[in-house]
């Protein structure tokens, strides 16, 4: 038997060369009694190891610990024998991390002196400092210190062992054998060298003697270990491991309790808040059915002790409400009746069927699922409220593990192997990662690379090996962990890169594995836009508008007509190319139709072959049948087709006999089955359970295939229901208040699917006049004129600082600027003024943009002697229309009155071209030639290699389908064209959806070589 007590995973970033899961699996395979995961100043990888042992019932004990370096003379490992020691370790890590910038730590001698519960494994340096630290440890930590001895076969083992024995005799510390493991298998040594080189910023061949000298720092079979180490040292490792009884399952979460006012306990106060909410949400009173659901939910919340969880979220949203910050809750619990009464969500649960076992499950013993979206521009106010209320000791953001993806791995590996960065960049540009039938290695091979080049082979193999390796910890988008006591007793806390942010060392999956609370405080751009649209409407019409006000008119036929016609540019969730293609086919006519619409255009339903059957049944082209009443109860609202993740879980329960806990395990397996394959473990239970209950095997097999189709992409009904509220609200606003809609969207950018240029184009197609940027009429934000026109704001000008723009507006004379010198006297920088000139914003004081730029460049005018406008009569030639348009795109990323395709057409350069507004008059299967700016390329994983390209001409957008072979054969125009001509075949569905199947692709960038049009590619 053996226990490896010093072992670093790849969560010792760029040092450990194996995943935690690989380490514990290998330790179990070799027959180790125990293994400690001791990443440097971190417990970031421990949960992965624990979860691997739990899931696969591995016969190996996991010990929690961490390695620390104090100065250059002391390295120790702290191990946790019990829960107190674990809390102590987390405190020490937190202190060391909080003293330093992100990714670093600084251990203080006080941290070492304060150790009371952790065991210490000292890793001597083998030099004169060891006597100092031996005496220090003997003085401060007698009886809880061990010496870690390693035999690394590096030519110094004899001296090392002699030195270890001397220290043992002098200070009487027991000796434990350890390989100081960095790899689960010897074959990982070359990858460890690559990681080391990346960490040092050197090439591998420059590491020299600093590199790991051989493969000995890996896990070894027991027979090898007994030959390397004295038996007493091996026995002592086992004895020490047996004293370490702490397990992560002992961690228990305690909710913050100060939210309950005097005179209440958590249960009575939650009921009080719910009863108050009932009066607001159900002014006419609640039915017996709704009252029954409320009582059932409250009873379950009480039995599981989740009152503080709901009260915590209630407190956060009440703060947002008090500050006028729009928010919307989502998640299975968020759409419960209790959360509706607590005003966490605007979704009336009477409109959807929430799966109660997803609300809270006793069997899975984890907090319910609630996410809250806030305005993306004001979420920081909510975050700082949480930090202020609970303090830095009690709250922090969850981590996100940033891993090596293909491009980062390829670049990093290439650099340390000695490849030139420009060469690596060129190769990356030749790779189309969306081509799923021709891998990146094959694409590079087609460039004629030397297959016999060993360095190239290393580049390929190490890149693949590094994929998925953790690179560093970042902050979660908004997942907060809030605790009753110091959070660092539960998990270490460290500084984030962003100021005033702290993060824990575990990500959302780790928290879920341990059943710990995470409150998701997320950012949603559409909420910002909606608030700004509301403000514009109230400002113009003195009409207060709110989400509940619009929701009361949730069946407006005119709004749904616009939705069915796919007039949804800028509309939340139903604005993508795929959604706009589905809308005329599904034809939503009510709120629940929108819930289905949002969920059905997802990889899960598409891969599960659910879309076509649903549409056929919806339009009466296929009968709706159910194999049993139990299945009808689950699928009746979606025409007998499972669309939502909850429905799949319900089917497993009612048709195959799964318990609530087993169904949730199925959900987890669905969420990660492509990574783990664990979903296949449920196949026999699902199919056997259904056939035993009288269902045909064909139906059971079909259901399992649909579950596999959902894969990692099943979309919950609870999320779709929340999104559908905002989809309808934004559709309603676009229909009734279009100029306010576009203005609010553009003032909230960056957000959504479309650029300001595309929003402007859509606004113009809706007969809204868009006025250019003007130094005398534009505000910082986009604005609406008294005539209802949209005036571009100064925020649109590239190169103009926000400070300069706001200073200009603040100091603008009532009658406007009449001289350049008066603008200069506002304190704008020369760069700010030049940006205004380039954007043609100075037309009130200059003839045209070239004239304005000439004046700005004449720096003599800024001298006191020339404070008045120069009398120089030199005339600068005005730009041509083409030059004007190119300048517009360069300075504003758009042109409000010129379009490249319109100019090309007017000049006679376009022959036999069909424009967007003419396609409606062409017959199905007609050959066409089209041309436009490339505004988007999409290649969904469900599309079988197809890329959807959106072209924009001066009359509208054209949807183009590019098959994989077409893209591969014409890679250059496919990937690099900003103006693209396509020869293809027009296809039209019976619902009126039309697109062009691309044949020939022609790069027309040369027609406007200086034009810069930014497309949204593969997002």
Foldseek 3Di string as FASTA:
>chain_A
DFEAEFAEDCQLPLAFQHALLLQLVLCLVLPHQEYEHARALFPLRVLVNQVSCVVVVRNHHYWYWYWYDAPPFWIKIWTAQALVSLLLSLVQSQQQFAVDAAPGGHGDVVSVLPDDGTAMETEGPLDPCVVVVLVVCLVRPPPRYAYEQADLVPPCNVSRVVVRVVSCVVNVHHYAYHLSAREQDLVSQVLSLLSNCLVVVAASVPCPPVGSPGSSNHDDRPVVVPVRDPPSNRVVSVVVVVSRDYDLLPDDFAFAAPLDDPPDHLLVVLVVLLVQLCCVVPVVHDDPVLVVQVVVVSVVCVVLVPSRVLSVLLVLVVVCVVVVWDKAKFALLCLGSSVCSSVNHVFPNVVDDRDVLQNDPPVLSFHHDMAMAIAQVCLVVSVVVVCVVQPPQFKAFAKDFDADALLNLLQSSCVNLPHDNVVSVVLVVQDDPLQPVQDSVNSSVVVVDDPPDVSVVVSVVSSVSRGPRGNRIAGDQFWMAGGNGGCSSSFHKRDHNDPPHIYTSYHPVSCSSNRGDIYGYHYALLSQLLSQLQVQCCVQPVDHDDLVNLVVVFQDQVLLVCQLCLLQCLFFQQNDPLSSLCSLQLSDRGLVSQLLSNQCPWQLVLLLVQVVVQSCQSVVNDQQDDPDVQQCVLCVVRSSTDRALVSLLSCQCSQQPDDSVRSVVLVVCLQQCVPPVCNVVCLCSQLVSNVVVPDDSVVSVSSSSSSVSCRNIGHHSRRSSRSSSRSSVLSVCCVPPVLSSLQSSQQSPPHDDAHNQQSLLSVVLVVAAEAEAALFPAAQGWDADPVGHIYHHPVLFPQADPVLRNLSVVQADPVGDQDPLSSVVSVGDLSNQLSCLLQQRHVNHAVTSVRSNVQSVPCVCNDPVNVDDDPDPDDDDHDDPLVNQQSNCVTRVHDSPDWPQVVCVVVVVDDQADEPVCLLVDDAFDKHKYKAFWAEWASDPSPNQKIWTWGAGSNGIAIEIEHNVNCVVVVCLNPDARMKMFTFTWHADPSGDIHTYGDDIDRPCVVPVSHDHDHHYHD
